[in-house]
Amino acid sequence: MNATVKFIIGLLITVAGIYWYVAEYLGFPAFQYFGAYSINALKTVFFGVFGLFLLLVGLLVMWIEYEDIKWSREEKKGK
């Protein structure tokens, strides 16, 4: 597939994603599922995943620093 076609598909998906959340502010109640509006569902998911995000970022930082400490020890042994 051509890169331009993939770019246009990505652009259309992005516009659809933005429209999904903006539509309820434009007055289209058709985007209400299971009694909750999409923006409220997004807020719920964000608050639910935020702790997991912090956990993963913390583990990533610890892993990077652990590797840095390990390389520092190996450099000192080499000298």
Protein backbone atom coordinates (compact mmCIF):
# COMPACT_ATOMS: atom_id res chain seq x y z
CA MET A 1 0.00 0.00 0.00
CA ASN A 2 1.25 3.46 -0.84
CA ALA A 3 2.40 5.70 2.02
CA THR A 4 0.02 8.45 0.89
CA VAL A 5 -2.96 6.10 1.12
CA LYS A 6 -1.91 5.01 4.61
CA PHE A 7 -1.53 8.66 5.62
CA ILE A 8 -5.05 9.49 4.37
CA ILE A 9 -6.49 6.46 6.19
CA GLY A 10 -4.74 7.58 9.38
CA LEU A 11 -6.09 11.10 8.92
CA LEU A 12 -9.65 9.79 8.48
CA ILE A 13 -9.35 7.63 11.60
CA THR A 14 -8.03 10.63 13.56
CA VAL A 15 -10.89 12.83 12.42
CA ALA A 16 -13.39 10.09 13.32
CA GLY A 17 -11.84 9.81 16.79
CA ILE A 18 -12.08 13.55 17.36
CA TYR A 19 -15.65 13.60 16.06
CA TRP A 20 -16.60 10.77 18.43
CA TYR A 21 -15.97 12.99 21.45
CA VAL A 22 -17.02 16.33 19.95
CA ALA A 23 -20.35 15.01 18.62
CA GLU A 24 -22.07 15.05 22.00
CA TYR A 25 -21.24 18.75 22.38
CA LEU A 26 -22.72 19.36 18.94
CA GLY A 27 -26.02 17.91 20.12
CA PHE A 28 -25.96 14.40 18.65
CA PRO A 29 -27.27 12.08 21.39
CA ALA A 30 -26.82 9.07 19.09
CA PHE A 31 -23.36 8.60 20.58
CA GLN A 32 -24.77 7.75 24.01
CA TYR A 33 -24.25 4.07 24.78
CA PHE A 34 -25.32 2.17 27.88
CA GLY A 35 -26.51 5.36 29.58
CA ALA A 36 -23.12 7.12 29.50
CA TYR A 37 -21.79 9.71 27.13
CA SER A 38 -18.49 9.02 25.42
CA ILE A 39 -16.60 11.89 27.10
CA ASN A 40 -17.65 10.61 30.54
CA ALA A 41 -16.52 7.11 29.58
CA LEU A 42 -13.17 8.56 28.47
CA LYS A 43 -12.78 10.31 31.83
CA THR A 44 -13.55 7.07 33.66
CA VAL A 45 -10.99 5.13 31.65
CA PHE A 46 -8.39 7.87 32.12
CA PHE A 47 -8.79 7.89 35.90
CA GLY A 48 -8.78 4.09 35.99
CA VAL A 49 -5.62 3.73 33.91
CA PHE A 50 -3.65 6.64 35.39
CA GLY A 51 -2.30 4.58 38.31
CA LEU A 52 -1.21 1.83 35.95
CA PHE A 53 0.49 4.43 33.75
CA LEU A 54 2.42 5.76 36.76
CA LEU A 55 3.40 2.22 37.71
CA LEU A 56 4.74 1.46 34.24
CA VAL A 57 6.61 4.76 33.95
CA GLY A 58 8.17 4.17 37.36
CA LEU A 59 9.27 0.67 36.36
CA LEU A 60 10.71 2.00 33.11
CA VAL A 61 12.72 4.68 34.93
CA MET A 62 13.97 2.12 37.46
CA TRP A 63 14.99 -0.27 34.66
CA ILE A 64 16.88 2.46 32.78
CA GLU A 65 18.69 3.57 35.92
CA TYR A 66 19.49 -0.04 36.89
CA GLU A 67 21.11 -0.57 33.49
CA ASP A 68 23.04 2.70 33.93
CA ILE A 69 24.30 1.58 37.34
CA LYS A 70 25.28 -1.78 35.88
CA TRP A 71 27.24 -0.12 33.05
CA SER A 72 28.97 2.21 35.53
CA ARG A 73 30.11 -0.76 37.60
CA GLU A 74 31.42 -2.54 34.50
CA GLU A 75 33.34 0.59 33.45
CA LYS A 76 34.95 0.85 36.89
CA LYS A 77 35.94 -2.86 36.79
CA GLY A 78 37.51 -2.35 33.37
CA LYS A 79 39.77 0.45 34.61
